[in-house]
């Protein structure tokens, strides 16, 4: 990744690549509002380059991969495997064999829990997570715990929305088999010190899995520098298609793991008596994959590389700083999560207005945010709130959209005064 000083984005040029952003919403009788899309932590919009790549595949190259000798299959296979190489390069993995295509971060974590966990975690062993985790990095470990008799241990967070690192370190022990941590909290925007957390895990002989769903489009990710054993990501949060993502795993670990699904393409030989499994990464990719999604994912990574993750991150930080400044001055608004290291997310409540009502009111003003527990109910419980409103930023957002957010919040405050 490029580590030079971040450049200012030409946001209007970027917005031109996302026609969806030019629409007006609730446009009855020409009275619609310009769309201010601030729900990027849920999913980002897709640039034309990605949309066109998926469309072109279906128009020109649609065929199954890996098992055809005709021209379309060969082109489809080359594009699909080319996308795998783009993922490898984007996160700094050593080999494309370490990149497994999955439906997204959720499936990636379930794959590790099923394939690695069932083979390596035993009764009395411990899995350490944090109080910041998305349900996708809680429930699979509960399922594994219940299946094998292991223990799920949770490192607490503080009122700023940061992991208590002293407690995290104390909770590590020789019983810890896996540490599963988010890189960037989807509910609060907290950036965890994952490099240190991984190092501490390795000191006690544990492996480390990083949920990178929120981080991969906002932070410079180098899995070898982090020394992550597993890293999971979702394309749809990275300007790519839905239903596709990737799991990185160290090759020496993946090679010891049994498959978690059986079927076509994950085998090298099948008889009624036995099956021999395919080599990496195909051992973990049973059945026809989401070929168009993978190709679109590759083009999304091309787009991210062209614009520059560091440039995007700097732009988002400026927006978050501006939004945070306005939020602190807004009567009745409480920011939920004020970690020293944050990115791209402003989570908040407004006195007297339920977040769901707030989301509906803002929508009528053309401002799209997310309202709810954000698949992070334990975080909501910790802060004593049923839900939060969440504005989240991307490369194409502007200060004017932040202003639109707070103008809409003012209307909501007046309605409930």
Protein backbone atom coordinates (compact mmCIF):
# COMPACT_ATOMS: atom_id res chain seq x y z
CA UNK A 1 0.00 0.00 0.00
CA UNK A 2 1.07 3.57 -0.66
CA UNK A 3 2.34 5.20 2.55
CA UNK A 4 3.05 8.65 1.09
CA UNK A 5 1.34 11.72 2.51
CA UNK A 6 -2.41 11.55 1.80
CA UNK A 7 -3.71 13.67 -1.05
CA UNK A 8 -6.93 15.68 -1.03
CA UNK A 9 -9.74 13.87 -2.80
CA UNK A 10 -11.61 15.39 -5.71
CA UNK A 11 -14.90 14.44 -4.10
CA UNK A 12 -17.10 15.77 -6.88
CA UNK A 13 -15.20 13.68 -9.43
CA UNK A 14 -15.60 10.66 -7.18
CA UNK A 15 -19.32 11.31 -6.77
CA UNK A 16 -19.69 11.33 -10.54
CA UNK A 17 -18.66 7.67 -10.48
CA UNK A 18 -21.66 6.87 -8.24
CA UNK A 19 -24.85 7.86 -10.11
CA UNK A 20 -27.01 6.59 -7.23
CA UNK A 21 -25.89 9.60 -5.20
CA UNK A 22 -27.42 12.08 -7.66
CA UNK A 23 -31.01 11.00 -6.96
CA UNK A 24 -33.67 12.77 -4.96
CA UNK A 25 -35.64 10.68 -2.49
CA UNK A 26 -39.35 10.88 -1.66
CA UNK A 27 -39.66 12.80 -4.91
CA UNK A 28 -43.46 13.19 -5.05
CA UNK A 29 -44.41 16.10 -7.25
CA UNK A 30 -40.84 17.26 -7.65
CA UNK A 31 -40.48 17.96 -3.92
CA UNK A 32 -37.87 15.32 -3.19
CA UNK A 33 -34.75 15.85 -1.12
CA UNK A 34 -31.19 15.38 -2.39
CA UNK A 35 -29.85 12.11 -1.06
CA UNK A 36 -27.21 12.33 1.67
CA UNK A 37 -26.11 8.72 2.02
CA UNK A 38 -24.51 8.28 5.45
CA UNK A 39 -25.09 4.55 5.96
CA UNK A 40 -21.74 3.34 4.67
CA UNK A 41 -20.93 1.12 7.65
CA UNK A 42 -23.91 -1.02 6.61
CA UNK A 43 -22.93 -1.05 2.95
CA UNK A 44 -21.14 1.29 0.58
CA UNK A 45 -22.43 2.36 -2.81
CA UNK A 46 -20.74 0.89 -5.89
CA UNK A 47 -18.79 2.85 -8.52
CA UNK A 48 -19.63 2.39 -12.18
CA UNK A 49 -16.42 0.42 -12.66
CA UNK A 50 -17.77 -2.30 -10.37
CA UNK A 51 -21.29 -2.26 -11.80
CA UNK A 52 -19.92 -2.42 -15.34
CA UNK A 53 -17.56 -5.29 -14.49
CA UNK A 54 -20.40 -7.42 -13.14
CA UNK A 55 -22.63 -6.52 -16.08
CA UNK A 56 -19.89 -7.26 -18.60
CA UNK A 57 -19.25 -10.67 -17.07
CA UNK A 58 -22.87 -11.70 -17.50
CA UNK A 59 -23.08 -10.21 -20.99
CA UNK A 60 -19.85 -11.67 -22.34
CA UNK A 61 -18.10 -14.25 -20.17
CA UNK A 62 -20.77 -16.04 -18.14
CA UNK A 63 -19.57 -19.62 -17.58
CA UNK A 64 -18.56 -21.80 -14.70
CA UNK A 65 -14.96 -21.67 -13.55
CA UNK A 66 -12.25 -24.32 -13.19
CA UNK A 67 -13.98 -27.08 -15.10
CA UNK A 68 -14.45 -25.91 -18.65
CA UNK A 69 -12.08 -25.88 -21.62
CA UNK A 70 -14.10 -23.53 -23.79
CA UNK A 71 -13.31 -19.85 -24.24
CA UNK A 72 -15.96 -18.46 -21.90
CA UNK A 73 -14.96 -20.74 -19.05
CA UNK A 74 -11.31 -19.91 -19.53
CA UNK A 75 -12.03 -16.18 -19.48
CA UNK A 76 -14.28 -16.53 -16.43
CA UNK A 77 -11.62 -18.55 -14.60
CA UNK A 78 -8.90 -16.06 -15.43
CA UNK A 79 -11.02 -13.16 -14.15
CA UNK A 80 -12.07 -15.05 -11.00
CA UNK A 81 -8.52 -16.07 -10.12
CA UNK A 82 -7.32 -12.60 -11.07
CA UNK A 83 -9.65 -11.21 -8.42
CA UNK A 84 -8.13 -13.57 -5.86
CA UNK A 85 -4.69 -12.18 -6.69
CA UNK A 86 -6.02 -8.63 -6.26
CA UNK A 87 -7.25 -9.52 -2.76
CA UNK A 88 -3.87 -11.04 -1.95
CA UNK A 89 -2.03 -7.91 -3.06
CA UNK A 90 -4.47 -5.54 -1.34
CA UNK A 91 -3.92 -7.05 2.11
CA UNK A 92 -0.30 -8.07 1.62
CA UNK A 93 -0.73 -11.84 1.86
CA UNK A 94 2.17 -14.00 0.75
CA UNK A 95 0.22 -16.33 -1.53
CA UNK A 96 -3.09 -16.34 -3.38
CA UNK A 97 -3.58 -19.82 -1.90
CA UNK A 98 -4.16 -18.04 1.42
CA UNK A 99 -7.24 -16.23 0.04
CA UNK A 100 -10.56 -18.05 0.30
CA UNK A 101 -13.64 -16.54 -1.31
CA UNK A 102 -16.67 -16.60 0.98
CA UNK A 103 -20.03 -14.80 1.12
CA UNK A 104 -18.60 -12.24 3.51
CA UNK A 105 -17.10 -11.74 6.94
CA UNK A 106 -19.86 -13.70 8.66
CA UNK A 107 -19.23 -16.80 6.58
CA UNK A 108 -15.47 -16.38 6.98
CA UNK A 109 -15.74 -16.45 10.77
CA UNK A 110 -18.12 -19.40 10.68
CA UNK A 111 -15.68 -21.23 8.42
CA UNK A 112 -12.87 -20.80 10.95
CA UNK A 113 -15.13 -21.78 13.86
CA UNK A 114 -16.30 -24.92 12.05
CA UNK A 115 -13.11 -26.06 10.32
CA UNK A 116 -10.34 -24.90 12.64
CA UNK A 117 -12.37 -24.69 15.84
CA UNK A 118 -13.90 -28.16 15.76
CA UNK A 119 -10.47 -29.67 15.07
CA UNK A 120 -8.50 -27.70 17.66
CA UNK A 121 -10.69 -26.44 20.50
CA UNK A 122 -11.46 -28.85 23.32
CA UNK A 123 -13.35 -28.87 26.60
CA UNK A 124 -11.85 -26.35 29.00
CA UNK A 125 -10.13 -24.33 26.26
CA UNK A 126 -10.90 -20.61 25.99
CA UNK A 127 -11.78 -18.24 23.16
CA UNK A 128 -11.16 -14.58 23.96
CA UNK A 129 -13.24 -11.86 22.32
CA UNK A 130 -13.99 -8.25 23.32
CA UNK A 131 -17.04 -6.30 24.40
CA UNK A 132 -17.00 -4.45 21.06
CA UNK A 133 -17.81 -7.37 18.81
CA UNK A 134 -20.44 -7.67 16.09
CA UNK A 135 -22.79 -10.62 16.53
CA UNK A 136 -20.92 -12.37 13.71
CA UNK A 137 -17.86 -12.50 15.96
CA UNK A 138 -19.83 -13.69 18.99
CA UNK A 139 -22.41 -16.25 17.90
CA UNK A 140 -20.08 -18.65 15.99
CA UNK A 141 -17.87 -18.89 19.08
CA UNK A 142 -20.87 -19.51 21.32
CA UNK A 143 -21.90 -22.32 18.98
CA UNK A 144 -18.38 -23.77 19.13
CA UNK A 145 -18.31 -23.36 22.93
CA UNK A 146 -21.58 -25.23 23.29
CA UNK A 147 -20.48 -27.99 20.91
CA UNK A 148 -17.13 -28.79 22.54
CA UNK A 149 -17.42 -27.52 26.11
CA UNK A 150 -15.04 -24.60 25.73
CA UNK A 151 -15.34 -21.23 27.46
CA UNK A 152 -16.01 -17.86 25.85
CA UNK A 153 -14.15 -15.06 27.62
CA UNK A 154 -14.94 -11.38 27.02
CA UNK A 155 -12.45 -8.55 27.51
CA UNK A 156 -14.37 -5.51 28.84
CA UNK A 157 -14.57 -2.04 27.31
CA UNK A 158 -14.56 1.37 28.98
CA UNK A 159 -17.00 4.28 28.67
CA UNK A 160 -15.03 5.72 25.77
CA UNK A 161 -15.72 2.54 23.84
CA UNK A 162 -12.16 1.19 24.03
CA UNK A 163 -11.02 -2.28 24.99
CA UNK A 164 -9.49 -2.37 28.46
CA UNK A 165 -6.07 -3.58 27.38
CA UNK A 166 -4.89 -4.37 30.92
CA UNK A 167 -7.89 -6.65 31.36
CA UNK A 168 -7.38 -8.11 27.88
CA UNK A 169 -3.81 -9.05 28.76
CA UNK A 170 -4.84 -10.51 32.13
CA UNK A 171 -7.48 -12.70 30.50
CA UNK A 172 -4.96 -14.35 28.19
CA UNK A 173 -3.61 -17.65 29.47
CA UNK A 174 -2.28 -20.99 28.23
CA UNK A 175 -5.94 -22.05 28.03
CA UNK A 176 -6.58 -19.42 25.34
CA UNK A 177 -6.71 -21.11 21.95
CA UNK A 178 -8.02 -18.24 19.86
CA UNK A 179 -8.39 -14.47 20.13
CA UNK A 180 -11.15 -13.10 17.84
CA UNK A 181 -11.22 -9.30 17.63
CA UNK A 182 -12.66 -6.56 15.46
CA UNK A 183 -10.21 -4.25 13.75
CA UNK A 184 -12.71 -1.38 13.66
CA UNK A 185 -15.97 -1.40 15.63
CA UNK A 186 -19.05 -1.18 13.44
CA UNK A 187 -21.10 0.27 16.30
CA UNK A 188 -18.70 2.91 17.61
CA UNK A 189 -15.89 3.39 15.11
CA UNK A 190 -13.22 2.38 17.63
CA UNK A 191 -9.94 1.25 16.06
CA UNK A 192 -8.49 -1.57 18.13
CA UNK A 193 -4.71 -1.97 18.61
CA UNK A 194 -4.87 -5.28 16.77
CA UNK A 195 -1.15 -5.60 16.12
CA UNK A 196 -0.46 -5.53 19.86
CA UNK A 197 -3.44 -7.78 20.60
CA UNK A 198 -2.22 -10.36 18.08
CA UNK A 199 1.29 -10.25 19.55
CA UNK A 200 -0.09 -10.81 23.05
CA UNK A 201 -2.18 -13.73 21.78
CA UNK A 202 0.84 -15.34 20.19
CA UNK A 203 2.82 -15.00 23.42
CA UNK A 204 0.45 -17.47 25.10
CA UNK A 205 0.34 -19.76 22.07
CA UNK A 206 -3.09 -18.65 20.80
CA UNK A 207 -4.07 -17.90 17.23
CA UNK A 208 -5.65 -14.58 16.29
CA UNK A 209 -8.60 -13.89 13.99
CA UNK A 210 -9.38 -10.31 12.97
CA UNK A 211 -12.85 -9.21 11.86
CA UNK A 212 -11.86 -6.66 9.23
CA UNK A 213 -15.34 -6.00 7.82
CA UNK A 214 -15.30 -2.32 8.77
CA UNK A 215 -11.56 -1.74 8.57
CA UNK A 216 -10.55 -2.95 5.14
CA UNK A 217 -11.84 0.10 3.23
CA UNK A 218 -10.72 2.62 5.86
CA UNK A 219 -7.33 1.45 7.13
CA UNK A 220 -4.10 0.24 5.58
CA UNK A 221 -4.28 -3.53 6.14
CA UNK A 222 -1.13 -5.63 5.86
CA UNK A 223 -1.79 -9.09 7.25
CA UNK A 224 1.87 -10.02 7.41
CA UNK A 225 2.79 -6.89 9.32
CA UNK A 226 -0.11 -7.53 11.69
CA UNK A 227 0.91 -11.22 11.87
CA UNK A 228 -2.79 -12.14 11.79
CA UNK A 229 -3.55 -15.84 11.54
CA UNK A 230 -6.95 -15.12 9.98
CA UNK A 231 -8.39 -11.90 8.56
CA UNK A 232 -11.98 -11.63 7.30
CA UNK A 233 -13.58 -8.99 5.06
CA UNK A 234 -16.75 -8.22 3.10
CA UNK A 235 -16.71 -6.70 -0.39
CA UNK A 236 -19.96 -4.79 0.05
CA UNK A 237 -18.36 -2.56 2.68
CA UNK A 238 -15.47 -1.93 0.27
CA UNK A 239 -17.41 -0.48 -2.69
CA UNK A 240 -17.93 -3.99 -4.06
CA UNK A 241 -20.88 -6.36 -4.57
CA UNK A 242 -22.92 -7.98 -1.85
CA UNK A 243 -22.64 -11.69 -1.16
CA UNK A 244 -18.88 -11.93 -1.62
CA UNK A 245 -15.90 -11.53 0.68
CA UNK A 246 -12.63 -13.15 1.56
CA UNK A 247 -10.95 -15.00 4.36
CA UNK A 248 -7.18 -14.78 4.67
CA UNK A 249 -5.48 -17.55 6.57
CA UNK A 250 -1.83 -18.40 7.01
CA UNK A 251 -1.05 -21.21 4.62
CA UNK A 252 0.49 -23.46 7.24
CA UNK A 253 -2.70 -23.21 9.31
CA UNK A 254 -5.15 -23.64 6.42
CA UNK A 255 -3.33 -26.77 5.28
CA UNK A 256 -4.07 -28.44 8.63
CA UNK A 257 -7.79 -27.61 8.54
CA UNK A 258 -10.45 -30.04 7.31
CA UNK A 259 -13.10 -28.77 4.89
CA UNK A 260 -16.25 -27.35 6.39
CA UNK A 261 -18.53 -28.00 3.39
CA UNK A 262 -18.54 -30.86 0.93
CA UNK A 263 -19.40 -30.84 -2.75
CA UNK A 264 -17.93 -29.99 -6.10
CA UNK A 265 -14.58 -28.32 -6.68
CA UNK A 266 -13.35 -28.93 -3.12
CA UNK A 267 -12.30 -32.44 -4.07
CA UNK A 268 -9.53 -34.02 -6.10
CA UNK A 269 -11.04 -37.52 -6.19
CA UNK A 270 -14.31 -39.09 -5.04
CA UNK A 271 -15.38 -42.73 -4.80
CA UNK A 272 -18.15 -44.25 -2.70
CA UNK A 273 -15.48 -45.37 -0.27
CA UNK A 274 -13.45 -42.19 0.17
CA UNK A 275 -12.83 -38.62 -0.89
CA UNK A 276 -9.53 -36.86 -1.33
CA UNK A 277 -9.71 -33.12 -0.85
CA UNK A 278 -8.45 -30.45 -3.19
CA UNK A 279 -5.47 -28.20 -2.55
CA UNK A 280 -5.74 -24.68 -1.15
CA UNK A 281 -7.77 -22.57 -1.49
CA UNK A 282 -10.33 -24.73 -3.31
CA UNK A 283 -10.67 -27.13 -0.37
CA UNK A 284 -12.80 -24.44 1.29
CA UNK A 285 -14.79 -23.34 -1.77
CA UNK A 286 -17.38 -26.07 -2.31
CA UNK A 287 -19.78 -25.61 -5.21
CA UNK A 288 -20.11 -22.96 -7.88
CA UNK A 289 -18.80 -19.70 -6.42
CA UNK A 290 -20.16 -16.18 -6.74
CA UNK A 291 -18.05 -15.60 -9.85
CA UNK A 292 -19.50 -12.23 -10.84
CA UNK A 293 -19.23 -11.06 -7.23
CA UNK A 294 -15.57 -11.99 -7.03
CA UNK A 295 -14.85 -10.19 -10.30
CA UNK A 296 -16.72 -7.13 -9.03
CA UNK A 297 -14.76 -7.35 -5.77
CA UNK A 298 -11.53 -7.27 -7.74
CA UNK A 299 -12.64 -4.14 -9.59
CA UNK A 300 -13.64 -2.53 -6.27
CA UNK A 301 -10.09 -3.14 -5.04
CA UNK A 302 -8.75 -1.60 -8.24
CA UNK A 303 -10.90 1.45 -7.50
CA UNK A 304 -9.69 1.64 -3.90
CA UNK A 305 -6.08 1.38 -5.02
CA UNK A 306 -6.59 4.10 -7.63
CA UNK A 307 -8.20 6.53 -5.21
CA UNK A 308 -5.92 5.47 -2.35
CA UNK A 309 -7.03 4.06 0.99
CA UNK A 310 -4.85 6.56 2.84
CA UNK A 311 -6.44 9.42 0.89
CA UNK A 312 -9.92 8.11 1.66
CA UNK A 313 -9.07 7.66 5.34
CA UNK A 314 -7.78 11.22 5.62
CA UNK A 315 -10.94 12.56 3.96
CA UNK A 316 -13.17 10.52 6.25
CA UNK A 317 -11.24 11.68 9.31
CA UNK A 318 -11.84 15.30 8.35
CA UNK A 319 -15.56 14.59 7.97
CA UNK A 320 -15.70 12.69 11.27
CA UNK A 321 -13.88 15.49 13.08
CA UNK A 322 -16.29 18.06 11.65
CA UNK A 323 -19.34 15.94 12.49
CA UNK A 324 -18.04 15.29 16.00
CA UNK A 325 -17.49 19.01 16.58
CA UNK A 326 -21.05 19.75 15.48
CA UNK A 327 -22.41 16.87 17.56
CA UNK A 328 -20.75 18.11 20.74
CA UNK A 329 -22.40 21.50 20.26
CA UNK A 330 -25.86 20.09 19.46
CA UNK A 331 -28.36 20.37 22.35
CA UNK A 332 -29.53 17.04 23.72
CA UNK A 333 -27.19 14.92 21.56
CA UNK A 334 -24.94 12.35 23.22
CA UNK A 335 -22.10 10.72 21.31
CA UNK A 336 -21.83 7.01 22.06
CA UNK A 337 -18.19 5.98 21.80
CA UNK A 338 -15.42 8.56 21.92
CA UNK A 339 -12.33 6.42 21.63
CA UNK A 340 -9.00 8.16 21.15
CA UNK A 341 -8.57 6.22 17.89
CA UNK A 342 -11.70 6.23 15.73
CA UNK A 343 -12.62 6.10 12.08
CA UNK A 344 -15.59 6.89 9.87
CA UNK A 345 -18.45 6.37 12.37
CA UNK A 346 -20.47 8.76 14.54
CA UNK A 347 -22.88 6.90 16.81
CA UNK A 348 -25.25 8.96 18.97
CA UNK A 349 -28.57 9.39 20.72
CA UNK A 350 -30.84 12.43 20.83
CA UNK A 351 -32.70 13.20 24.03
CA UNK A 352 -36.42 12.47 23.79
CA UNK A 353 -36.27 10.83 20.35
CA UNK A 354 -35.95 7.08 19.84
CA UNK A 355 -33.24 6.28 17.27
CA UNK A 356 -35.76 4.50 15.03
CA UNK A 357 -37.97 7.60 14.98
CA UNK A 358 -34.89 9.67 14.34
CA UNK A 359 -33.93 7.52 11.37
CA UNK A 360 -37.41 7.91 9.87
CA UNK A 361 -37.45 11.69 10.32
CA UNK A 362 -33.98 12.05 8.80
CA UNK A 363 -34.99 9.88 5.88
CA UNK A 364 -37.82 12.27 5.03
CA UNK A 365 -35.16 14.99 4.87
CA UNK A 366 -33.08 12.90 2.45
CA UNK A 367 -30.49 11.83 5.03
CA UNK A 368 -29.87 8.07 5.14
CA UNK A 369 -28.42 6.81 8.42
CA UNK A 370 -28.67 3.55 10.34
CA UNK A 371 -30.72 3.27 13.54
CA UNK A 372 -30.74 0.22 15.79
CA UNK A 373 -28.40 -2.03 17.73
CA UNK A 374 -26.11 -2.52 14.68
CA UNK A 375 -25.79 -6.27 15.40
CA UNK A 376 -23.90 -5.28 18.54
CA UNK A 377 -26.45 -5.74 21.33
CA UNK A 378 -23.81 -6.19 24.06
CA UNK A 379 -22.40 -2.76 23.16
CA UNK A 380 -25.86 -1.21 23.51
CA UNK A 381 -26.36 -2.99 26.84
CA UNK A 382 -23.02 -1.67 28.12
CA UNK A 383 -24.00 1.92 27.35
CA UNK A 384 -27.54 1.43 28.66
CA UNK A 385 -29.29 2.38 25.43
CA UNK A 386 -31.72 0.32 23.32
CA UNK A 387 -30.15 1.57 20.09
CA UNK A 388 -28.17 4.40 18.56
CA UNK A 389 -28.36 6.48 15.43
CA UNK A 390 -25.24 5.98 13.32
CA UNK A 391 -23.86 8.19 10.60
CA UNK A 392 -20.94 6.66 8.74
CA UNK A 393 -18.73 8.19 6.08
CA UNK A 394 -17.12 7.16 2.81
CA UNK A 395 -14.99 8.64 0.06
CA UNK A 396 -17.93 10.34 -1.65
CA UNK A 397 -19.39 12.15 1.36
CA UNK A 398 -19.11 15.91 1.85
CA UNK A 399 -19.23 18.56 4.59
CA UNK A 400 -22.50 19.71 3.04
CA UNK A 401 -23.97 16.29 3.77
CA UNK A 402 -22.84 16.59 7.39
CA UNK A 403 -24.61 19.96 7.48
CA UNK A 404 -27.72 18.28 6.02
CA UNK A 405 -27.53 15.70 8.81
CA UNK A 406 -27.54 18.35 11.52
CA UNK A 407 -30.23 20.41 9.82
CA UNK A 408 -32.41 17.29 9.82
CA UNK A 409 -31.53 16.62 13.47
CA UNK A 410 -32.66 20.14 14.32
CA UNK A 411 -36.05 19.40 12.72
CA UNK A 412 -36.32 16.21 14.71
CA UNK A 413 -35.47 18.04 17.94
CA UNK A 414 -38.13 20.64 17.23
CA UNK A 415 -40.73 17.98 16.49
CA UNK A 416 -40.16 16.31 19.85
CA UNK A 417 -39.61 19.47 21.89
